[in-house]
C-alpha atoms as a PDB file:
ATOM      1  CA  UNK A   1     -56.133  -8.180   4.518  1.00  0.00           C
ATOM      2  CA  UNK A   2     -59.117  -6.030   5.267  1.00  0.00           C
ATOM      3  CA  UNK A   3     -58.783  -3.945   8.964  1.00  0.00           C
ATOM      4  CA  UNK A   4     -62.222  -4.577   9.634  1.00  0.00           C
ATOM      5  CA  UNK A   5     -61.571  -8.859   9.481  1.00  0.00           C
ATOM      6  CA  UNK A   6     -58.921  -8.160  11.902  1.00  0.00           C
ATOM      7  CA  UNK A   7     -59.815  -9.659  15.363  1.00  0.00           C
ATOM      8  CA  UNK A   8     -57.948  -6.482  17.605  1.00  0.00           C
ATOM      9  CA  UNK A   9     -60.376  -4.344  15.012  1.00  0.00           C
ATOM     10  CA  UNK A  10     -63.700  -5.720  15.987  1.00  0.00           C
ATOM     11  CA  UNK A  11     -65.733  -4.270  18.518  1.00  0.00           C
ATOM     12  CA  UNK A  12     -65.639  -6.367  22.082  1.00  0.00           C
ATOM     13  CA  UNK A  13     -69.071  -7.752  22.732  1.00  0.00           C
ATOM     14  CA  UNK A  14     -68.139  -7.626  26.436  1.00  0.00           C
ATOM     15  CA  UNK A  15     -68.884  -5.111  28.472  1.00  0.00           C
ATOM     16  CA  UNK A  16     -70.928  -2.821  26.078  1.00  0.00           C
ATOM     17  CA  UNK A  17     -72.481  -0.425  28.854  1.00  0.00           C
ATOM     18  CA  UNK A  18     -68.687   0.349  29.853  1.00  0.00           C
ATOM     19  CA  UNK A  19     -68.762   4.197  30.354  1.00  0.00           C
ATOM     20  CA  UNK A  20     -71.855   3.832  32.620  1.00  0.00           C
ATOM     21  CA  UNK A  21     -69.773   1.644  35.332  1.00  0.00           C
ATOM     22  CA  UNK A  22     -68.640   2.953  38.550  1.00  0.00           C
ATOM     23  CA  UNK A  23     -64.691   3.426  39.203  1.00  0.00           C
ATOM     24  CA  UNK A  24     -64.532   0.510  41.147  1.00  0.00           C
ATOM     25  CA  UNK A  25     -65.876  -1.592  38.760  1.00  0.00           C
ATOM     26  CA  UNK A  26     -64.548  -0.216  35.643  1.00  0.00           C
ATOM     27  CA  UNK A  27     -61.145  -0.505  37.026  1.00  0.00           C
ATOM     28  CA  UNK A  28     -61.758  -4.265  38.044  1.00  0.00           C
ATOM     29  CA  UNK A  29     -62.722  -5.061  34.512  1.00  0.00           C
ATOM     30  CA  UNK A  30     -59.890  -3.461  33.043  1.00  0.00           C
ATOM     31  CA  UNK A  31     -57.349  -5.493  35.114  1.00  0.00           C
ATOM     32  CA  UNK A  32     -59.290  -8.646  34.197  1.00  0.00           C
ATOM     33  CA  UNK A  33     -59.147  -8.054  30.549  1.00  0.00           C
ATOM     34  CA  UNK A  34     -55.280  -7.191  30.633  1.00  0.00           C
ATOM     35  CA  UNK A  35     -54.873 -10.564  32.493  1.00  0.00           C
ATOM     36  CA  UNK A  36     -56.024 -12.477  29.498  1.00  0.00           C
ATOM     37  CA  UNK A  37     -52.703 -10.754  27.301  1.00  0.00           C
ATOM     38  CA  UNK A  38     -50.329 -13.184  29.369  1.00  0.00           C
ATOM     39  CA  UNK A  39     -52.436 -16.375  28.359  1.00  0.00           C
ATOM     40  CA  UNK A  40     -52.069 -15.363  24.648  1.00  0.00           C
ATOM     41  CA  UNK A  41     -48.352 -14.982  25.281  1.00  0.00           C
ATOM     42  CA  UNK A  42     -48.430 -18.354  26.841  1.00  0.00           C
ATOM     43  CA  UNK A  43     -50.113 -20.245  23.980  1.00  0.00           C
ATOM     44  CA  UNK A  44     -47.352 -19.031  21.838  1.00  0.00           C
ATOM     45  CA  UNK A  45     -44.561 -20.108  23.906  1.00  0.00           C
ATOM     46  CA  UNK A  46     -43.310 -22.633  21.784  1.00  0.00           C
ATOM     47  CA  UNK A  47     -42.754 -20.203  18.824  1.00  0.00           C
ATOM     48  CA  UNK A  48     -40.734 -17.817  21.325  1.00  0.00           C
ATOM     49  CA  UNK A  49     -38.401 -20.385  22.138  1.00  0.00           C
ATOM     50  CA  UNK A  50     -37.757 -21.038  18.755  1.00  0.00           C
ATOM     51  CA  UNK A  51     -36.649 -17.064  18.435  1.00  0.00           C
ATOM     52  CA  UNK A  52     -34.710 -17.245  21.001  1.00  0.00           C
ATOM     53  CA  UNK A  53     -32.844 -20.512  19.872  1.00  0.00           C
ATOM     54  CA  UNK A  54     -32.479 -18.676  16.429  1.00  0.00           C
ATOM     55  CA  UNK A  55     -31.003 -15.948  17.783  1.00  0.00           C
ATOM     56  CA  UNK A  56     -28.355 -16.393  20.410  1.00  0.00           C
ATOM     57  CA  UNK A  57     -26.299 -18.190  17.919  1.00  0.00           C
ATOM     58  CA  UNK A  58     -26.418 -14.846  15.659  1.00  0.00           C
ATOM     59  CA  UNK A  59     -25.953 -12.305  18.771  1.00  0.00           C
ATOM     60  CA  UNK A  60     -22.963 -14.840  19.574  1.00  0.00           C
ATOM     61  CA  UNK A  61     -21.380 -14.180  16.040  1.00  0.00           C
ATOM     62  CA  UNK A  62     -21.790 -10.329  16.582  1.00  0.00           C
ATOM     63  CA  UNK A  63     -24.732  -9.782  15.626  1.00  0.00           C
ATOM     64  CA  UNK A  64     -27.429  -7.043  16.627  1.00  0.00           C
ATOM     65  CA  UNK A  65     -31.182  -6.878  18.112  1.00  0.00           C
ATOM     66  CA  UNK A  66     -32.878  -4.714  15.885  1.00  0.00           C
ATOM     67  CA  UNK A  67     -36.362  -3.547  16.820  1.00  0.00           C
ATOM     68  CA  UNK A  68     -39.139  -2.230  14.277  1.00  0.00           C
ATOM     69  CA  UNK A  69     -42.431  -0.859  14.952  1.00  0.00           C
ATOM     70  CA  UNK A  70     -45.118   1.594  14.710  1.00  0.00           C
ATOM     71  CA  UNK A  71     -47.368   3.634  17.526  1.00  0.00           C
ATOM     72  CA  UNK A  72     -47.528   1.386  20.423  1.00  0.00           C
ATOM     73  CA  UNK A  73     -45.732  -1.263  19.069  1.00  0.00           C
ATOM     74  CA  UNK A  74     -42.784   0.860  17.850  1.00  0.00           C
ATOM     75  CA  UNK A  75     -42.546   2.348  21.335  1.00  0.00           C
ATOM     76  CA  UNK A  76     -42.571  -0.578  23.080  1.00  0.00           C
ATOM     77  CA  UNK A  77     -39.897  -1.919  21.125  1.00  0.00           C
ATOM     78  CA  UNK A  78     -37.921   1.277  21.825  1.00  0.00           C
ATOM     79  CA  UNK A  79     -38.423   0.533  25.807  1.00  0.00           C
ATOM     80  CA  UNK A  80     -36.616  -3.118  25.702  1.00  0.00           C
ATOM     81  CA  UNK A  81     -33.897  -1.741  23.430  1.00  0.00           C
ATOM     82  CA  UNK A  82     -32.539   0.704  25.919  1.00  0.00           C
ATOM     83  CA  UNK A  83     -33.358  -1.335  28.917  1.00  0.00           C
ATOM     84  CA  UNK A  84     -30.864  -3.682  27.808  1.00  0.00           C
ATOM     85  CA  UNK A  85     -27.687  -1.568  28.499  1.00  0.00           C
ATOM     86  CA  UNK A  86     -28.507  -0.789  32.358  1.00  0.00           C
ATOM     87  CA  UNK A  87     -29.861  -4.064  33.116  1.00  0.00           C
ATOM     88  CA  UNK A  88     -27.343  -6.489  31.031  1.00  0.00           C
ATOM     89  CA  UNK A  89     -24.307  -4.127  30.100  1.00  0.00           C
ATOM     90  CA  UNK A  90     -25.308  -4.557  26.422  1.00  0.00           C
ATOM     91  CA  UNK A  91     -23.811  -2.156  24.387  1.00  0.00           C
ATOM     92  CA  UNK A  92     -26.487   0.494  23.302  1.00  0.00           C
ATOM     93  CA  UNK A  93     -24.719  -0.059  19.796  1.00  0.00           C
ATOM     94  CA  UNK A  94     -26.121  -3.221  19.419  1.00  0.00           C
ATOM     95  CA  UNK A  95     -29.651  -2.864  20.400  1.00  0.00           C
ATOM     96  CA  UNK A  96     -31.232  -0.419  18.197  1.00  0.00           C
ATOM     97  CA  UNK A  97     -35.014   0.342  17.291  1.00  0.00           C
ATOM     98  CA  UNK A  98     -36.841   1.666  14.342  1.00  0.00           C
ATOM     99  CA  UNK A  99     -39.783   3.554  14.740  1.00  0.00           C
ATOM    100  CA  UNK A 100     -42.072   4.551  12.366  1.00  0.00           C
ATOM    101  CA  UNK A 101     -42.014   8.499  11.976  1.00  0.00           C
ATOM    102  CA  UNK A 102     -38.461   9.118  13.738  1.00  0.00           C
ATOM    103  CA  UNK A 103     -37.393  10.187  17.011  1.00  0.00           C
ATOM    104  CA  UNK A 104     -40.457  12.436  17.092  1.00  0.00           C
ATOM    105  CA  UNK A 105     -42.874   9.950  16.866  1.00  0.00           C
ATOM    106  CA  UNK A 106     -42.177   8.554  20.686  1.00  0.00           C
ATOM    107  CA  UNK A 107     -43.831  11.423  22.034  1.00  0.00           C
ATOM    108  CA  UNK A 108     -46.132  12.589  19.386  1.00  0.00           C
ATOM    109  CA  UNK A 109     -48.268  10.051  16.733  1.00  0.00           C
ATOM    110  CA  UNK A 110     -47.047  10.927  13.434  1.00  0.00           C
ATOM    111  CA  UNK A 111     -49.699  10.794  10.965  1.00  0.00           C
ATOM    112  CA  UNK A 112     -49.206   8.326   8.291  1.00  0.00           C
ATOM    113  CA  UNK A 113     -45.736   7.081   9.137  1.00  0.00           C
ATOM    114  CA  UNK A 114     -46.813   3.697   9.325  1.00  0.00           C
ATOM    115  CA  UNK A 115     -48.551   3.427   6.039  1.00  0.00           C
ATOM    116  CA  UNK A 116     -44.939   4.406   4.144  1.00  0.00           C
ATOM    117  CA  UNK A 117     -43.442   0.746   3.642  1.00  0.00           C
ATOM    118  CA  UNK A 118     -40.635   2.390   1.353  1.00  0.00           C
ATOM    119  CA  UNK A 119     -39.477   4.446   4.588  1.00  0.00           C
ATOM    120  CA  UNK A 120     -39.352   1.173   6.938  1.00  0.00           C
ATOM    121  CA  UNK A 121     -37.064  -0.730   4.131  1.00  0.00           C
ATOM    122  CA  UNK A 122     -34.800   2.510   3.798  1.00  0.00           C
ATOM    123  CA  UNK A 123     -34.653   2.792   7.951  1.00  0.00           C
ATOM    124  CA  UNK A 124     -33.775  -0.723   7.933  1.00  0.00           C
ATOM    125  CA  UNK A 125     -31.112  -0.386   5.426  1.00  0.00           C
ATOM    126  CA  UNK A 126     -29.282   2.354   6.496  1.00  0.00           C
ATOM    127  CA  UNK A 127     -28.269   0.375   9.815  1.00  0.00           C
ATOM    128  CA  UNK A 128     -26.372  -2.088   7.079  1.00  0.00           C
ATOM    129  CA  UNK A 129     -28.070  -5.169   8.237  1.00  0.00           C
ATOM    130  CA  UNK A 130     -26.515  -8.691   8.187  1.00  0.00           C
ATOM    131  CA  UNK A 131     -26.622 -12.003   8.572  1.00  0.00           C
ATOM    132  CA  UNK A 132     -25.915 -11.750  12.025  1.00  0.00           C
ATOM    133  CA  UNK A 133     -29.115  -9.344  13.033  1.00  0.00           C
ATOM    134  CA  UNK A 134     -31.694 -10.014  14.531  1.00  0.00           C
ATOM    135  CA  UNK A 135     -34.794  -8.349  13.780  1.00  0.00           C
ATOM    136  CA  UNK A 136     -37.677  -8.005  15.889  1.00  0.00           C
ATOM    137  CA  UNK A 137     -40.674  -6.734  13.871  1.00  0.00           C
ATOM    138  CA  UNK A 138     -43.847  -6.075  16.049  1.00  0.00           C
ATOM    139  CA  UNK A 139     -47.414  -4.439  15.113  1.00  0.00           C
ATOM    140  CA  UNK A 140     -50.635  -5.086  16.626  1.00  0.00           C
ATOM    141  CA  UNK A 141     -52.171  -5.285  13.258  1.00  0.00           C
ATOM    142  CA  UNK A 142     -50.050  -7.956  11.629  1.00  0.00           C
ATOM    143  CA  UNK A 143     -50.549  -5.764   8.632  1.00  0.00           C
ATOM    144  CA  UNK A 144     -48.414  -2.352   8.913  1.00  0.00           C
ATOM    145  CA  UNK A 145     -46.825  -1.470   5.758  1.00  0.00           C
ATOM    146  CA  UNK A 146     -43.599   0.497   7.292  1.00  0.00           C
ATOM    147  CA  UNK A 147     -43.189  -2.779   9.508  1.00  0.00           C
ATOM    148  CA  UNK A 148     -43.235  -4.597   6.462  1.00  0.00           C
ATOM    149  CA  UNK A 149     -40.837  -2.598   4.290  1.00  0.00           C
ATOM    150  CA  UNK A 150     -38.401  -2.745   7.495  1.00  0.00           C
ATOM    151  CA  UNK A 151     -38.801  -7.012   7.133  1.00  0.00           C
ATOM    152  CA  UNK A 152     -38.177  -7.078   3.337  1.00  0.00           C
ATOM    153  CA  UNK A 153     -35.007  -5.036   3.935  1.00  0.00           C
ATOM    154  CA  UNK A 154     -33.833  -7.709   6.890  1.00  0.00           C
ATOM    155  CA  UNK A 155     -35.068 -10.609   5.126  1.00  0.00           C
ATOM    156  CA  UNK A 156     -32.858  -9.462   1.950  1.00  0.00           C
ATOM    157  CA  UNK A 157     -29.679  -8.851   4.213  1.00  0.00           C
ATOM    158  CA  UNK A 158     -30.368 -12.418   5.340  1.00  0.00           C
ATOM    159  CA  UNK A 159     -30.807 -11.524   8.904  1.00  0.00           C
ATOM    160  CA  UNK A 160     -33.023 -13.512  11.278  1.00  0.00           C
ATOM    161  CA  UNK A 161     -36.719 -12.031  10.905  1.00  0.00           C
ATOM    162  CA  UNK A 162     -38.753 -12.306  14.210  1.00  0.00           C
ATOM    163  CA  UNK A 163     -42.853 -11.131  13.342  1.00  0.00           C
ATOM    164  CA  UNK A 164     -44.838 -10.610  16.179  1.00  0.00           C
ATOM    165  CA  UNK A 165     -48.292  -9.391  15.774  1.00  0.00           C
ATOM    166  CA  UNK A 166     -51.966 -10.253  17.451  1.00  0.00           C
ATOM    167  CA  UNK A 167     -53.701 -11.204  14.644  1.00  0.00           C
ATOM    168  CA  UNK A 168     -52.873 -14.869  13.383  1.00  0.00           C
ATOM    169  CA  UNK A 169     -52.305 -15.492   9.810  1.00  0.00           C
ATOM    170  CA  UNK A 170     -51.133 -11.897   8.751  1.00  0.00           C
ATOM    171  CA  UNK A 171     -48.077 -10.739   6.634  1.00  0.00           C
ATOM    172  CA  UNK A 172     -45.964 -10.235   9.616  1.00  0.00           C
ATOM    173  CA  UNK A 173     -46.393 -13.534  11.153  1.00  0.00           C
ATOM    174  CA  UNK A 174     -46.649 -15.232   7.593  1.00  0.00           C
ATOM    175  CA  UNK A 175     -43.479 -13.355   5.927  1.00  0.00           C
ATOM    176  CA  UNK A 176     -41.096 -13.571   9.577  1.00  0.00           C
ATOM    177  CA  UNK A 177     -38.701 -16.475   9.651  1.00  0.00           C
ATOM    178  CA  UNK A 178     -40.087 -17.061  13.097  1.00  0.00           C
ATOM    179  CA  UNK A 179     -43.523 -15.996  13.422  1.00  0.00           C
ATOM    180  CA  UNK A 180     -45.222 -15.462  16.841  1.00  0.00           C
ATOM    181  CA  UNK A 181     -49.289 -14.883  17.115  1.00  0.00           C
ATOM    182  CA  UNK A 182     -50.797 -13.064  20.043  1.00  0.00           C
ATOM    183  CA  UNK A 183     -54.386 -14.122  19.822  1.00  0.00           C
ATOM    184  CA  UNK A 184     -55.450 -11.344  22.152  1.00  0.00           C
ATOM    185  CA  UNK A 185     -58.792 -11.003  20.654  1.00  0.00           C
ATOM    186  CA  UNK A 186     -60.786  -7.528  20.604  1.00  0.00           C
ATOM    187  CA  UNK A 187     -60.043  -5.177  22.882  1.00  0.00           C
ATOM    188  CA  UNK A 188     -62.426  -3.943  25.813  1.00  0.00           C
ATOM    189  CA  UNK A 189     -62.142  -0.720  24.377  1.00  0.00           C
ATOM    190  CA  UNK A 190     -62.649  -1.584  20.963  1.00  0.00           C
ATOM    191  CA  UNK A 191     -59.606  -1.108  18.854  1.00  0.00           C
ATOM    192  CA  UNK A 192     -57.340   0.144  21.550  1.00  0.00           C
ATOM    193  CA  UNK A 193     -54.121  -2.028  20.829  1.00  0.00           C
ATOM    194  CA  UNK A 194     -52.389   0.116  23.461  1.00  0.00           C
ATOM    195  CA  UNK A 195     -54.572  -2.177  26.045  1.00  0.00           C
ATOM    196  CA  UNK A 196     -54.023  -6.244  26.297  1.00  0.00           C
ATOM    197  CA  UNK A 197     -52.311  -6.122  22.341  1.00  0.00           C
ATOM    198  CA  UNK A 198     -49.792  -4.029  23.859  1.00  0.00           C
ATOM    199  CA  UNK A 199     -49.292  -5.970  26.876  1.00  0.00           C
ATOM    200  CA  UNK A 200     -48.857  -9.234  25.302  1.00  0.00           C
ATOM    201  CA  UNK A 201     -46.072  -7.496  23.292  1.00  0.00           C
ATOM    202  CA  UNK A 202     -44.654  -6.264  26.349  1.00  0.00           C
ATOM    203  CA  UNK A 203     -44.227  -9.571  27.853  1.00  0.00           C
ATOM    204  CA  UNK A 204     -42.939 -11.032  24.544  1.00  0.00           C
ATOM    205  CA  UNK A 205     -40.535  -8.712  24.124  1.00  0.00           C
ATOM    206  CA  UNK A 206     -39.096  -9.213  27.809  1.00  0.00           C
ATOM    207  CA  UNK A 207     -39.175 -12.703  27.610  1.00  0.00           C
ATOM    208  CA  UNK A 208     -36.898 -12.905  24.498  1.00  0.00           C
ATOM    209  CA  UNK A 209     -34.396 -10.241  25.147  1.00  0.00           C
ATOM    210  CA  UNK A 210     -33.992 -11.625  28.653  1.00  0.00           C
ATOM    211  CA  UNK A 211     -33.653 -15.173  27.305  1.00  0.00           C
ATOM    212  CA  UNK A 212     -30.931 -14.453  25.356  1.00  0.00           C
ATOM    213  CA  UNK A 213     -29.167 -12.318  27.701  1.00  0.00           C
ATOM    214  CA  UNK A 214     -29.333 -14.853  29.907  1.00  0.00           C
ATOM    215  CA  UNK A 215     -28.139 -17.637  27.353  1.00  0.00           C
ATOM    216  CA  UNK A 216     -25.309 -15.011  26.815  1.00  0.00           C
ATOM    217  CA  UNK A 217     -24.310 -15.551  30.313  1.00  0.00           C
ATOM    218  CA  UNK A 218     -25.041 -12.019  31.721  1.00  0.00           C
ATOM    219  CA  UNK A 219     -27.253 -13.845  34.415  1.00  0.00           C
ATOM    220  CA  UNK A 220     -25.667 -16.180  37.204  1.00  0.00           C
ATOM    221  CA  UNK A 221     -28.342 -18.333  38.716  1.00  0.00           C
ATOM    222  CA  UNK A 222     -31.055 -15.728  38.896  1.00  0.00           C
ATOM    223  CA  UNK A 223     -29.052 -12.427  39.784  1.00  0.00           C
ATOM    224  CA  UNK A 224     -28.486  -9.965  36.995  1.00  0.00           C
ATOM    225  CA  UNK A 225     -24.782 -10.198  37.338  1.00  0.00           C
ATOM    226  CA  UNK A 226     -23.778  -7.668  34.240  1.00  0.00           C
ATOM    227  CA  UNK A 227     -25.497  -4.609  35.713  1.00  0.00           C
ATOM    228  CA  UNK A 228     -23.922  -1.429  35.129  1.00  0.00           C
ATOM    229  CA  UNK A 229     -24.123   0.499  38.352  1.00  0.00           C
ATOM    230  CA  UNK A 230     -24.798   3.884  37.076  1.00  0.00           C
ATOM    231  CA  UNK A 231     -26.413   5.780  39.705  1.00  0.00           C
ATOM    232  CA  UNK A 232     -26.604   4.913  43.750  1.00  0.00           C
ATOM    233  CA  UNK A 233     -29.636   2.511  43.494  1.00  0.00           C
ATOM    234  CA  UNK A 234     -27.446   0.434  41.083  1.00  0.00           C
ATOM    235  CA  UNK A 235     -24.728   0.947  43.332  1.00  0.00           C
ATOM    236  CA  UNK A 236     -26.297  -0.491  45.999  1.00  0.00           C
ATOM    237  CA  UNK A 237     -28.059  -3.322  44.101  1.00  0.00           C
ATOM    238  CA  UNK A 238     -24.646  -3.912  42.949  1.00  0.00           C
ATOM    239  CA  UNK A 239     -23.359  -4.742  46.233  1.00  0.00           C
ATOM    240  CA  UNK A 240     -26.402  -6.612  47.094  1.00  0.00           C
ATOM    241  CA  UNK A 241     -26.050  -8.868  44.073  1.00  0.00           C
ATOM    242  CA  UNK A 242     -22.179  -9.651  44.837  1.00  0.00           C
ATOM    243  CA  UNK A 243     -23.186 -10.484  48.797  1.00  0.00           C
ATOM    244  CA  UNK A 244     -26.210 -12.893  47.630  1.00  0.00           C
ATOM    245  CA  UNK A 245     -23.903 -14.640  45.260  1.00  0.00           C
ATOM    246  CA  UNK A 246     -20.684 -15.178  47.463  1.00  0.00           C
ATOM    247  CA  UNK A 247     -22.474 -14.960  51.091  1.00  0.00           C
ATOM    248  CA  UNK A 248     -20.072 -12.291  52.005  1.00  0.00           C
ATOM    249  CA  UNK A 249     -21.379  -9.574  53.861  1.00  0.00           C
ATOM    250  CA  UNK A 250     -21.835  -5.941  52.341  1.00  0.00           C
ATOM    251  CA  UNK A 251     -18.668  -4.614  53.544  1.00  0.00           C
ATOM    252  CA  UNK A 252     -16.577  -7.160  51.581  1.00  0.00           C
ATOM    253  CA  UNK A 253     -18.873  -7.374  48.654  1.00  0.00           C
ATOM    254  CA  UNK A 254     -17.917  -3.593  48.354  1.00  0.00           C
ATOM    255  CA  UNK A 255     -14.551  -3.917  48.784  1.00  0.00           C
ATOM    256  CA  UNK A 256     -14.152  -6.611  45.940  1.00  0.00           C
ATOM    257  CA  UNK A 257     -16.363  -4.294  43.627  1.00  0.00           C
ATOM    258  CA  UNK A 258     -14.316  -1.365  44.624  1.00  0.00           C
ATOM    259  CA  UNK A 259     -10.953  -3.160  43.629  1.00  0.00           C
ATOM    260  CA  UNK A 260     -12.511  -4.525  40.034  1.00  0.00           C
ATOM    261  CA  UNK A 261     -14.128  -1.153  39.141  1.00  0.00           C
ATOM    262  CA  UNK A 262     -17.568  -2.464  40.313  1.00  0.00           C
ATOM    263  CA  UNK A 263     -17.950  -5.530  37.771  1.00  0.00           C
ATOM    264  CA  UNK A 264     -20.165  -7.746  39.712  1.00  0.00           C
ATOM    265  CA  UNK A 265     -18.842 -10.977  38.370  1.00  0.00           C
ATOM    266  CA  UNK A 266     -15.041 -10.238  38.320  1.00  0.00           C
ATOM    267  CA  UNK A 267     -16.449  -9.176  42.630  1.00  0.00           C
ATOM    268  CA  UNK A 268     -17.837 -12.912  42.348  1.00  0.00           C
ATOM    269  CA  UNK A 269     -15.042 -14.768  41.332  1.00  0.00           C
ATOM    270  CA  UNK A 270     -12.622 -12.596  43.197  1.00  0.00           C
ATOM    271  CA  UNK A 271     -14.231 -13.589  46.574  1.00  0.00           C
ATOM    272  CA  UNK A 272     -15.370 -17.494  46.179  1.00  0.00           C
ATOM    273  CA  UNK A 273     -12.044 -18.196  44.273  1.00  0.00           C
ATOM    274  CA  UNK A 274      -9.970 -16.140  46.458  1.00  0.00           C
ATOM    275  CA  UNK A 275      -8.410 -13.912  43.242  1.00  0.00           C
ATOM    276  CA  UNK A 276      -7.359 -10.411  42.493  1.00  0.00           C
ATOM    277  CA  UNK A 277      -9.362  -8.674  40.135  1.00  0.00           C
ATOM    278  CA  UNK A 278      -7.084  -9.200  36.839  1.00  0.00           C
ATOM    279  CA  UNK A 279      -6.860 -13.140  37.569  1.00  0.00           C
ATOM    280  CA  UNK A 280     -10.509 -13.152  38.294  1.00  0.00           C
ATOM    281  CA  UNK A 281     -11.142 -11.447  34.766  1.00  0.00           C
ATOM    282  CA  UNK A 282      -9.041 -13.570  33.171  1.00  0.00           C
ATOM    283  CA  UNK A 283     -10.981 -16.496  34.286  1.00  0.00           C
ATOM    284  CA  UNK A 284     -14.001 -14.944  33.366  1.00  0.00           C
ATOM    285  CA  UNK A 285     -12.896 -14.164  29.598  1.00  0.00           C
ATOM    286  CA  UNK A 286     -11.556 -17.542  29.344  1.00  0.00           C
ATOM    287  CA  UNK A 287     -15.034 -18.961  29.357  1.00  0.00           C
ATOM    288  CA  UNK A 288     -16.807 -15.910  27.609  1.00  0.00           C
ATOM    289  CA  UNK A 289     -18.660 -14.720  30.205  1.00  0.00           C
ATOM    290  CA  UNK A 290     -19.872 -17.453  32.009  1.00  0.00           C
ATOM    291  CA  UNK A 291     -19.528 -17.283  35.669  1.00  0.00           C
ATOM    292  CA  UNK A 292     -20.354 -20.483  36.936  1.00  0.00           C
ATOM    293  CA  UNK A 293     -17.836 -21.634  34.535  1.00  0.00           C
ATOM    294  CA  UNK A 294     -15.574 -19.566  36.019  1.00  0.00           C
ATOM    295  CA  UNK A 295     -15.468 -20.612  39.348  1.00  0.00           C
ATOM    296  CA  UNK A 296     -14.951 -24.296  38.000  1.00  0.00           C
ATOM    297  CA  UNK A 297     -11.792 -24.009  36.192  1.00  0.00           C
END
């Protein structure tokens, strides 16, 4: 597919004198244009739900989330992958990210890296992908060779492939087992897919990973009860979450957390069922981490 045919590459017909706007008007139109990203995601919600439903059984069977992309798309995948550990205690080795150009491309564009399909396939293959893995492949254009190479390797290993792109009908969508089209159209600054195309990708990646974690019982009610309190802010948050879930005051919540090595799930069951840390953990383990089920045993 020629790049000129891609909607993300077409010059926008709106605000063609953008460089003449005053600052307040400039900021206003940029914000309004970004709002269209959420609309594009909303239109794709059924495919996003299909992706989550297909991913959960594989992850439950021991699979990994593997993100692959180039440029902005690759960095957004990396961001989503690294945030899963502090938020949900998701093991870092089960949330991996491939970025065209390697680690150096995190900070500086590596020219030509996105055009190397062979390298994309090799990078994916190095991870020893298997049928329980979930490959999330992201490219605004939908045609990025590096991403398509990674997809080919993931499909050859029978991994689930989820393709996310901002141009409908492109290879990243059509060749994936589940394709998610985010039709954000032309960019206000023509061709700059770090704008609403990137925003829409961020929303989808957050939605997919968070929904998977909710289905894996990493959330109780709407509380993130599997967080890892690795700093003072997160420790305070753990105490607050325990209090919200149990109705206990902060002193009692902190005491329970100390007794169970700061595992929020365990502290909740300890307080609500008047158990010690060992008994509470046994209940949680018996129901695969489901706090609500543990409380009902």
